[in-house]
Amino acid sequence: MENRKNLCAMIPEELHTRARTEQEQLALTLSQYVEMVLTEHFQKGGKAMESGTRTLAFQVPEELFGRVKKHLAQHPGLSQKEFVIGLITKALDEADAQAAAE
């Protein structure tokens, strides 16, 4: 088992409430939740935008968001970006194959 260290920080009350609400919705322990958030940040955060890419942003219902986060928590190493791109690519490939068959 890898070594673990404790992390403690004072944060604004509103941010604390939002984080704890999401953590509870995902049915994660606080340690699991903080690890998930930090892992996502370091996997995606701080990177300059790659040339030839575009941003695709949209809002989803809270329930769907929770389901996605729960799925990702069960699949360590799979980022939200990779997951969504995989779903979009699969749907477009299936649509292209159906259009070619017609």
Protein backbone atom coordinates (compact mmCIF):
# COMPACT_ATOMS: atom_id res chain seq x y z
CA MET A 1 0.00 0.00 0.00
CA GLU A 2 1.35 3.43 -0.89
CA ASN A 3 2.27 5.86 1.86
CA ARG A 4 -0.44 8.34 2.80
CA LYS A 5 -0.21 11.87 4.22
CA ASN A 6 -2.86 14.03 5.85
CA LEU A 7 -3.91 17.30 4.19
CA CYS A 8 -5.79 19.98 6.09
CA ALA A 9 -6.78 23.45 4.85
CA MET A 10 -9.16 26.23 5.78
CA ILE A 11 -11.57 27.03 2.91
CA PRO A 12 -14.56 29.38 2.56
CA GLU A 13 -17.76 28.02 4.13
CA GLU A 14 -19.70 28.12 0.84
CA LEU A 15 -17.00 26.07 -0.92
CA HIS A 16 -16.95 23.63 1.99
CA THR A 17 -20.73 23.17 1.76
CA ARG A 18 -20.59 22.59 -1.99
CA ALA A 19 -17.74 20.09 -1.68
CA ARG A 20 -19.39 18.12 1.14
CA THR A 21 -22.71 18.03 -0.73
CA GLU A 22 -21.06 16.63 -3.86
CA GLN A 23 -19.00 14.19 -1.79
CA GLU A 24 -22.16 12.85 -0.15
CA GLN A 25 -23.98 12.59 -3.49
CA LEU A 26 -21.11 10.51 -4.84
CA ALA A 27 -21.19 8.30 -1.74
CA LEU A 28 -17.45 8.76 -1.24
CA THR A 29 -15.50 9.20 1.95
CA LEU A 30 -13.95 12.63 2.35
CA SER A 31 -10.51 11.13 1.68
CA GLN A 32 -11.74 9.49 -1.54
CA TYR A 33 -13.42 12.71 -2.65
CA VAL A 34 -10.40 14.95 -2.03
CA GLU A 35 -8.13 12.44 -3.76
CA MET A 36 -10.48 12.38 -6.79
CA VAL A 37 -10.61 16.18 -7.01
CA LEU A 38 -6.83 16.58 -6.68
CA THR A 39 -6.14 13.79 -9.17
CA GLU A 40 -8.47 15.42 -11.73
CA HIS A 41 -6.81 18.77 -11.14
CA PHE A 42 -3.29 17.48 -11.68
CA GLN A 43 -4.25 15.32 -14.67
CA LYS A 44 -5.95 18.21 -16.45
CA GLY A 45 -4.96 21.38 -14.64
CA GLY A 46 -2.19 23.72 -15.57
CA LYS A 47 -1.88 22.55 -19.15
CA ALA A 48 -1.73 25.04 -21.98
CA MET A 49 -4.41 24.53 -24.61
CA GLU A 50 -3.15 22.33 -27.38
CA SER A 51 -3.18 23.75 -30.88
CA GLY A 52 -5.90 22.32 -33.06
CA THR A 53 -8.32 21.83 -30.17
CA ARG A 54 -11.58 23.53 -29.33
CA THR A 55 -13.51 23.78 -26.10
CA LEU A 56 -16.87 22.06 -25.85
CA ALA A 57 -18.71 23.11 -22.69
CA PHE A 58 -22.23 22.34 -21.54
CA GLN A 59 -24.25 21.89 -18.39
CA VAL A 60 -25.88 18.62 -17.38
CA PRO A 61 -28.49 17.78 -14.74
CA GLU A 62 -27.10 17.32 -11.21
CA GLU A 63 -28.12 13.65 -11.18
CA LEU A 64 -26.23 12.90 -14.40
CA PHE A 65 -23.18 14.79 -13.13
CA GLY A 66 -23.22 12.67 -9.98
CA ARG A 67 -23.47 9.48 -12.01
CA VAL A 68 -20.48 10.50 -14.13
CA LYS A 69 -18.39 11.35 -11.07
CA LYS A 70 -19.35 8.06 -9.40
CA HIS A 71 -18.36 6.14 -12.55
CA LEU A 72 -15.02 7.96 -12.72
CA ALA A 73 -14.36 7.27 -9.04
CA GLN A 74 -14.75 3.56 -9.82
CA HIS A 75 -12.31 3.80 -12.75
CA PRO A 76 -9.08 5.34 -11.48
CA GLY A 77 -6.95 6.82 -14.23
CA LEU A 78 -9.93 7.61 -16.47
CA SER A 79 -10.40 11.36 -16.67
CA GLN A 80 -13.70 13.09 -17.23
CA LYS A 81 -12.34 14.44 -20.52
CA GLU A 82 -11.29 10.97 -21.74
CA PHE A 83 -14.64 9.51 -20.70
CA VAL A 84 -16.74 12.14 -22.51
CA ILE A 85 -14.54 12.14 -25.64
CA GLY A 86 -14.83 8.34 -25.75
CA LEU A 87 -18.63 8.52 -25.59
CA ILE A 88 -18.82 11.20 -28.29
CA THR A 89 -16.41 9.33 -30.56
CA LYS A 90 -18.33 6.07 -30.16
CA ALA A 91 -21.68 7.74 -30.94
CA LEU A 92 -20.29 9.51 -34.01
CA ASP A 93 -18.61 6.33 -35.30
CA GLU A 94 -21.91 4.46 -34.95
CA ALA A 95 -23.78 7.26 -36.74
CA ASP A 96 -21.21 7.29 -39.56
CA ALA A 97 -21.44 3.51 -39.94
CA GLN A 98 -25.24 3.68 -40.07
CA ALA A 99 -25.15 6.49 -42.65
CA ALA A 100 -22.68 4.54 -44.79
CA ALA A 101 -24.90 1.46 -44.64
CA GLU A 102 -27.93 3.40 -45.92
